[in-house]
């Protein structure tokens, strides 16, 4: 897929504020500070489209971007550690649950995982929650440029092994680096290939 345009559409703090579901939608989520904004900017080749911050919990709303005038890229609030109140976390969780269960044009959720770390219970529990809700998702390992190729591959093997203890098979998986652009074409091609599911549902 060639990215010809990418523009911010709206930020939504409530489900009723979401844009009309007229385009297929691909959402990105991960633990706070996993490199989500950097990955989004890399995918669309637009520095600053998604705001980058060193402070966990920067994204506090559901942010929609229209890509190629044909599909929505959605930046979701992170989960896990964030310097926000418990009340705010509860609000995010309620909003997210409503989003994944009610958003009819959501094709896939990309779950970002920091490729430098061993499997975290928070990530595993989150993916299990998606499965229980019947939400299609893919894993995206980020920041792989921070490790040697051997170390990164070994770490991913550990992730696979831990997940397969309770899963019958692994979800689609992508390895990325916002710095080098690794994984960009594979993710965009996958998005292009799966848009047919939206067409069939119309």
C-alpha atoms as a PDB file:
ATOM      1  CA  UNK A   1       0.000   0.000   0.000  1.00  0.00           C
ATOM      2  CA  UNK A   2       1.238   3.470  -0.907  1.00  0.00           C
ATOM      3  CA  UNK A   3       0.321   6.213   1.568  1.00  0.00           C
ATOM      4  CA  UNK A   4      -0.879   9.251  -0.361  1.00  0.00           C
ATOM      5  CA  UNK A   5      -2.557  11.179   2.444  1.00  0.00           C
ATOM      6  CA  UNK A   6      -3.105  11.047   6.187  1.00  0.00           C
ATOM      7  CA  UNK A   7      -5.021  13.611   8.192  1.00  0.00           C
ATOM      8  CA  UNK A   8      -6.407  14.005  11.696  1.00  0.00           C
ATOM      9  CA  UNK A   9     -10.191  13.708  11.879  1.00  0.00           C
ATOM     10  CA  UNK A  10     -11.303  13.909  15.509  1.00  0.00           C
ATOM     11  CA  UNK A  11     -10.663  12.997  19.140  1.00  0.00           C
ATOM     12  CA  UNK A  12     -13.454  11.246  21.010  1.00  0.00           C
ATOM     13  CA  UNK A  13     -13.926  10.962  24.763  1.00  0.00           C
ATOM     14  CA  UNK A  14     -17.256   9.157  24.357  1.00  0.00           C
ATOM     15  CA  UNK A  15     -18.588   6.540  21.959  1.00  0.00           C
ATOM     16  CA  UNK A  16     -21.222   8.966  20.713  1.00  0.00           C
ATOM     17  CA  UNK A  17     -18.482  11.286  19.447  1.00  0.00           C
ATOM     18  CA  UNK A  18     -16.897   8.744  17.093  1.00  0.00           C
ATOM     19  CA  UNK A  19     -17.048   9.540  13.370  1.00  0.00           C
ATOM     20  CA  UNK A  20     -19.584   7.709  11.218  1.00  0.00           C
ATOM     21  CA  UNK A  21     -18.418   4.120  10.497  1.00  0.00           C
ATOM     22  CA  UNK A  22     -18.156   4.692   6.759  1.00  0.00           C
ATOM     23  CA  UNK A  23     -14.589   3.367   6.366  1.00  0.00           C
ATOM     24  CA  UNK A  24     -12.787   0.230   7.566  1.00  0.00           C
ATOM     25  CA  UNK A  25     -10.975   0.889  10.821  1.00  0.00           C
ATOM     26  CA  UNK A  26      -7.633  -0.300  12.207  1.00  0.00           C
ATOM     27  CA  UNK A  27      -6.792   0.565  15.796  1.00  0.00           C
ATOM     28  CA  UNK A  28      -3.444   0.616  17.627  1.00  0.00           C
ATOM     29  CA  UNK A  29      -3.001   0.055  21.349  1.00  0.00           C
ATOM     30  CA  UNK A  30      -0.314  -1.010  23.799  1.00  0.00           C
ATOM     31  CA  UNK A  31       1.160  -0.409  27.204  1.00  0.00           C
ATOM     32  CA  UNK A  32       1.979   3.204  27.968  1.00  0.00           C
ATOM     33  CA  UNK A  33       5.249   4.316  26.339  1.00  0.00           C
ATOM     34  CA  UNK A  34       5.445   1.296  24.022  1.00  0.00           C
ATOM     35  CA  UNK A  35       6.207   3.545  21.047  1.00  0.00           C
ATOM     36  CA  UNK A  36       2.705   3.714  19.606  1.00  0.00           C
ATOM     37  CA  UNK A  37       2.835   7.283  18.320  1.00  0.00           C
ATOM     38  CA  UNK A  38       6.246   6.729  16.748  1.00  0.00           C
ATOM     39  CA  UNK A  39       4.971   3.619  14.970  1.00  0.00           C
ATOM     40  CA  UNK A  40       1.867   5.394  13.663  1.00  0.00           C
ATOM     41  CA  UNK A  41       3.949   8.281  12.317  1.00  0.00           C
ATOM     42  CA  UNK A  42       6.314   5.802  10.672  1.00  0.00           C
ATOM     43  CA  UNK A  43       3.471   3.915   9.001  1.00  0.00           C
ATOM     44  CA  UNK A  44       1.984   7.015   7.383  1.00  0.00           C
ATOM     45  CA  UNK A  45       5.361   8.770   6.836  1.00  0.00           C
ATOM     46  CA  UNK A  46       4.122  11.853   8.670  1.00  0.00           C
ATOM     47  CA  UNK A  47       6.239  13.137  11.545  1.00  0.00           C
ATOM     48  CA  UNK A  48       4.060  14.617  14.253  1.00  0.00           C
ATOM     49  CA  UNK A  49       0.734  13.244  13.022  1.00  0.00           C
ATOM     50  CA  UNK A  50       0.382  11.315  16.271  1.00  0.00           C
ATOM     51  CA  UNK A  51       1.763  13.260  19.217  1.00  0.00           C
ATOM     52  CA  UNK A  52       4.850  11.743  20.848  1.00  0.00           C
ATOM     53  CA  UNK A  53       5.575  12.162  24.541  1.00  0.00           C
ATOM     54  CA  UNK A  54       8.009  10.750  27.050  1.00  0.00           C
ATOM     55  CA  UNK A  55       5.238  10.819  29.654  1.00  0.00           C
ATOM     56  CA  UNK A  56       3.112   7.657  29.907  1.00  0.00           C
ATOM     57  CA  UNK A  57      -0.619   8.195  29.415  1.00  0.00           C
ATOM     58  CA  UNK A  58      -0.327  11.035  26.904  1.00  0.00           C
ATOM     59  CA  UNK A  59      -3.128   9.676  24.702  1.00  0.00           C
ATOM     60  CA  UNK A  60      -6.363  10.126  26.624  1.00  0.00           C
ATOM     61  CA  UNK A  61      -8.977   9.947  23.875  1.00  0.00           C
ATOM     62  CA  UNK A  62      -9.778   7.833  20.816  1.00  0.00           C
ATOM     63  CA  UNK A  63      -8.040   9.627  17.950  1.00  0.00           C
ATOM     64  CA  UNK A  64      -9.106   9.018  14.352  1.00  0.00           C
ATOM     65  CA  UNK A  65      -6.919   9.659  11.307  1.00  0.00           C
ATOM     66  CA  UNK A  66      -8.161   9.239   7.743  1.00  0.00           C
ATOM     67  CA  UNK A  67      -5.609   7.558   5.479  1.00  0.00           C
ATOM     68  CA  UNK A  68      -5.802   7.684   1.678  1.00  0.00           C
ATOM     69  CA  UNK A  69      -9.383   8.907   2.042  1.00  0.00           C
ATOM     70  CA  UNK A  70     -10.321   5.237   2.394  1.00  0.00           C
ATOM     71  CA  UNK A  71      -9.613   3.899   5.911  1.00  0.00           C
ATOM     72  CA  UNK A  72      -9.338   5.014   9.507  1.00  0.00           C
ATOM     73  CA  UNK A  73      -6.213   4.597  11.578  1.00  0.00           C
ATOM     74  CA  UNK A  74      -7.159   4.841  15.258  1.00  0.00           C
ATOM     75  CA  UNK A  75      -4.837   5.771  18.114  1.00  0.00           C
ATOM     76  CA  UNK A  76      -6.189   4.379  21.394  1.00  0.00           C
ATOM     77  CA  UNK A  77      -5.175   5.230  24.985  1.00  0.00           C
ATOM     78  CA  UNK A  78      -2.524   2.919  26.379  1.00  0.00           C
ATOM     79  CA  UNK A  79      -3.124   0.372  29.104  1.00  0.00           C
ATOM     80  CA  UNK A  80      -0.991  -0.603  32.067  1.00  0.00           C
ATOM     81  CA  UNK A  81       1.135   1.940  33.910  1.00  0.00           C
ATOM     82  CA  UNK A  82       0.261   5.596  33.488  1.00  0.00           C
ATOM     83  CA  UNK A  83       0.525   8.602  35.758  1.00  0.00           C
ATOM     84  CA  UNK A  84      -3.198   9.149  35.923  1.00  0.00           C
ATOM     85  CA  UNK A  85      -5.839   8.605  38.580  1.00  0.00           C
ATOM     86  CA  UNK A  86      -7.700   5.344  39.050  1.00  0.00           C
ATOM     87  CA  UNK A  87     -10.868   7.176  38.035  1.00  0.00           C
ATOM     88  CA  UNK A  88      -9.286   8.089  34.690  1.00  0.00           C
ATOM     89  CA  UNK A  89      -8.129   4.515  34.146  1.00  0.00           C
ATOM     90  CA  UNK A  90     -11.643   3.259  34.846  1.00  0.00           C
ATOM     91  CA  UNK A  91     -13.047   5.758  32.333  1.00  0.00           C
ATOM     92  CA  UNK A  92     -10.559   4.602  29.696  1.00  0.00           C
ATOM     93  CA  UNK A  93     -11.449   0.967  30.333  1.00  0.00           C
ATOM     94  CA  UNK A  94     -15.164   1.640  29.991  1.00  0.00           C
ATOM     95  CA  UNK A  95     -14.608   3.597  26.783  1.00  0.00           C
ATOM     96  CA  UNK A  96     -12.351   0.908  25.335  1.00  0.00           C
ATOM     97  CA  UNK A  97     -14.760  -1.906  26.166  1.00  0.00           C
ATOM     98  CA  UNK A  98     -17.591  -0.053  24.460  1.00  0.00           C
ATOM     99  CA  UNK A  99     -15.385   0.661  21.462  1.00  0.00           C
ATOM    100  CA  UNK A 100     -14.233  -2.906  20.784  1.00  0.00           C
ATOM    101  CA  UNK A 101     -17.690  -4.404  21.312  1.00  0.00           C
ATOM    102  CA  UNK A 102     -19.801  -1.804  19.509  1.00  0.00           C
ATOM    103  CA  UNK A 103     -17.648  -0.389  16.700  1.00  0.00           C
ATOM    104  CA  UNK A 104     -19.038  -2.169  13.650  1.00  0.00           C
ATOM    105  CA  UNK A 105     -16.315  -1.117  11.196  1.00  0.00           C
ATOM    106  CA  UNK A 106     -13.361  -2.170  13.383  1.00  0.00           C
ATOM    107  CA  UNK A 107     -11.463  -4.708  11.300  1.00  0.00           C
ATOM    108  CA  UNK A 108      -8.423  -5.318  13.476  1.00  0.00           C
ATOM    109  CA  UNK A 109      -6.684  -4.195  16.639  1.00  0.00           C
ATOM    110  CA  UNK A 110      -2.882  -4.001  16.531  1.00  0.00           C
ATOM    111  CA  UNK A 111      -1.517  -4.764  20.010  1.00  0.00           C
ATOM    112  CA  UNK A 112       1.927  -3.234  20.451  1.00  0.00           C
ATOM    113  CA  UNK A 113       4.479  -5.053  22.597  1.00  0.00           C
ATOM    114  CA  UNK A 114       7.899  -3.683  23.558  1.00  0.00           C
ATOM    115  CA  UNK A 115      10.277  -6.117  21.879  1.00  0.00           C
ATOM    116  CA  UNK A 116      13.007  -5.449  24.445  1.00  0.00           C
ATOM    117  CA  UNK A 117      11.158  -7.051  27.341  1.00  0.00           C
ATOM    118  CA  UNK A 118      10.116 -10.550  28.317  1.00  0.00           C
ATOM    119  CA  UNK A 119       6.375 -11.381  28.241  1.00  0.00           C
ATOM    120  CA  UNK A 120       4.374  -9.240  30.642  1.00  0.00           C
ATOM    121  CA  UNK A 121       1.245 -10.437  32.421  1.00  0.00           C
ATOM    122  CA  UNK A 122      -0.540  -7.221  31.457  1.00  0.00           C
ATOM    123  CA  UNK A 123      -0.056  -7.842  27.724  1.00  0.00           C
ATOM    124  CA  UNK A 124      -1.030 -11.511  27.975  1.00  0.00           C
ATOM    125  CA  UNK A 125      -4.169 -10.712  29.966  1.00  0.00           C
ATOM    126  CA  UNK A 126      -5.117  -7.952  27.531  1.00  0.00           C
ATOM    127  CA  UNK A 127      -4.854 -10.249  24.489  1.00  0.00           C
ATOM    128  CA  UNK A 128      -6.868 -12.905  26.304  1.00  0.00           C
ATOM    129  CA  UNK A 129      -9.538 -10.291  26.950  1.00  0.00           C
ATOM    130  CA  UNK A 130      -9.679  -9.502  23.229  1.00  0.00           C
ATOM    131  CA  UNK A 131     -10.082 -13.175  22.390  1.00  0.00           C
ATOM    132  CA  UNK A 132     -12.912 -13.574  24.890  1.00  0.00           C
ATOM    133  CA  UNK A 133     -14.668 -10.613  23.260  1.00  0.00           C
ATOM    134  CA  UNK A 134     -14.130 -12.004  19.766  1.00  0.00           C
ATOM    135  CA  UNK A 135     -11.956  -9.071  18.663  1.00  0.00           C
ATOM    136  CA  UNK A 136      -9.490  -9.870  15.838  1.00  0.00           C
ATOM    137  CA  UNK A 137      -6.000  -8.655  16.693  1.00  0.00           C
ATOM    138  CA  UNK A 138      -2.356  -8.867  15.697  1.00  0.00           C
ATOM    139  CA  UNK A 139       0.820  -8.530  17.749  1.00  0.00           C
ATOM    140  CA  UNK A 140       3.312  -5.823  16.833  1.00  0.00           C
ATOM    141  CA  UNK A 141       6.744  -5.942  18.436  1.00  0.00           C
ATOM    142  CA  UNK A 142       8.212  -2.438  18.694  1.00  0.00           C
ATOM    143  CA  UNK A 143      11.663  -0.959  19.346  1.00  0.00           C
ATOM    144  CA  UNK A 144      13.428  -3.976  17.870  1.00  0.00           C
ATOM    145  CA  UNK A 145      16.313  -1.757  16.770  1.00  0.00           C
ATOM    146  CA  UNK A 146      17.285  -1.473  20.450  1.00  0.00           C
ATOM    147  CA  UNK A 147      18.409  -5.130  20.440  1.00  0.00           C
ATOM    148  CA  UNK A 148      20.719  -7.220  18.303  1.00  0.00           C
ATOM    149  CA  UNK A 149      18.956  -9.388  15.731  1.00  0.00           C
ATOM    150  CA  UNK A 150      19.834 -12.508  17.720  1.00  0.00           C
ATOM    151  CA  UNK A 151      18.565 -11.110  21.011  1.00  0.00           C
ATOM    152  CA  UNK A 152      15.356  -9.830  19.419  1.00  0.00           C
ATOM    153  CA  UNK A 153      14.638 -13.197  17.800  1.00  0.00           C
ATOM    154  CA  UNK A 154      15.338 -15.037  21.055  1.00  0.00           C
ATOM    155  CA  UNK A 155      12.990 -12.725  22.944  1.00  0.00           C
ATOM    156  CA  UNK A 156      10.191 -13.232  20.425  1.00  0.00           C
ATOM    157  CA  UNK A 157      10.624 -16.993  20.747  1.00  0.00           C
ATOM    158  CA  UNK A 158      10.066 -16.654  24.488  1.00  0.00           C
ATOM    159  CA  UNK A 159       6.902 -14.620  23.845  1.00  0.00           C
ATOM    160  CA  UNK A 160       5.629 -17.295  21.463  1.00  0.00           C
ATOM    161  CA  UNK A 161       6.404 -20.095  23.878  1.00  0.00           C
ATOM    162  CA  UNK A 162       4.628 -18.425  26.790  1.00  0.00           C
ATOM    163  CA  UNK A 163       1.571 -17.582  24.705  1.00  0.00           C
ATOM    164  CA  UNK A 164       1.279 -21.106  23.281  1.00  0.00           C
ATOM    165  CA  UNK A 165       0.914 -22.502  26.790  1.00  0.00           C
ATOM    166  CA  UNK A 166      -2.691 -21.337  26.737  1.00  0.00           C
ATOM    167  CA  UNK A 167      -3.380 -20.523  23.055  1.00  0.00           C
ATOM    168  CA  UNK A 168      -3.939 -23.031  20.253  1.00  0.00           C
ATOM    169  CA  UNK A 169      -2.160 -20.798  17.731  1.00  0.00           C
ATOM    170  CA  UNK A 170      -0.442 -17.441  17.515  1.00  0.00           C
ATOM    171  CA  UNK A 171      -2.094 -14.293  16.116  1.00  0.00           C
ATOM    172  CA  UNK A 172      -0.586 -12.514  13.094  1.00  0.00           C
ATOM    173  CA  UNK A 173       2.701 -11.014  14.242  1.00  0.00           C
ATOM    174  CA  UNK A 174       4.795  -8.107  12.974  1.00  0.00           C
ATOM    175  CA  UNK A 175       8.282  -6.968  13.940  1.00  0.00           C
ATOM    176  CA  UNK A 176       8.841  -3.220  13.677  1.00  0.00           C
ATOM    177  CA  UNK A 177      11.227  -0.368  14.259  1.00  0.00           C
ATOM    178  CA  UNK A 178      10.081   3.223  14.001  1.00  0.00           C
ATOM    179  CA  UNK A 179      13.719   4.240  13.571  1.00  0.00           C
ATOM    180  CA  UNK A 180      14.555   1.995  10.617  1.00  0.00           C
ATOM    181  CA  UNK A 181      11.085   1.539   9.138  1.00  0.00           C
ATOM    182  CA  UNK A 182      11.210  -2.224   9.592  1.00  0.00           C
ATOM    183  CA  UNK A 183       7.786  -3.829   9.338  1.00  0.00           C
ATOM    184  CA  UNK A 184       6.105  -0.865   7.669  1.00  0.00           C
ATOM    185  CA  UNK A 185       5.370  -2.520   4.327  1.00  0.00           C
ATOM    186  CA  UNK A 186       4.188  -5.757   5.934  1.00  0.00           C
ATOM    187  CA  UNK A 187       1.668  -3.986   8.151  1.00  0.00           C
ATOM    188  CA  UNK A 188       0.360  -1.755   5.372  1.00  0.00           C
ATOM    189  CA  UNK A 189       0.033  -4.727   3.018  1.00  0.00           C
ATOM    190  CA  UNK A 190      -1.850  -6.641   5.692  1.00  0.00           C
ATOM    191  CA  UNK A 191      -4.237  -3.736   6.143  1.00  0.00           C
ATOM    192  CA  UNK A 192      -4.742  -3.583   2.384  1.00  0.00           C
ATOM    193  CA  UNK A 193      -5.470  -7.329   2.213  1.00  0.00           C
ATOM    194  CA  UNK A 194      -7.974  -7.349   5.092  1.00  0.00           C
ATOM    195  CA  UNK A 195     -10.077  -4.403   3.939  1.00  0.00           C
ATOM    196  CA  UNK A 196     -12.139  -6.915   1.997  1.00  0.00           C
ATOM    197  CA  UNK A 197     -13.795  -7.900   5.272  1.00  0.00           C
ATOM    198  CA  UNK A 198     -15.288  -4.431   5.507  1.00  0.00           C
ATOM    199  CA  UNK A 199     -16.546  -4.585   1.915  1.00  0.00           C
ATOM    200  CA  UNK A 200     -18.231  -7.924   2.558  1.00  0.00           C
ATOM    201  CA  UNK A 201     -19.986  -6.523   5.581  1.00  0.00           C
ATOM    202  CA  UNK A 202     -21.496  -3.536   3.788  1.00  0.00           C
END
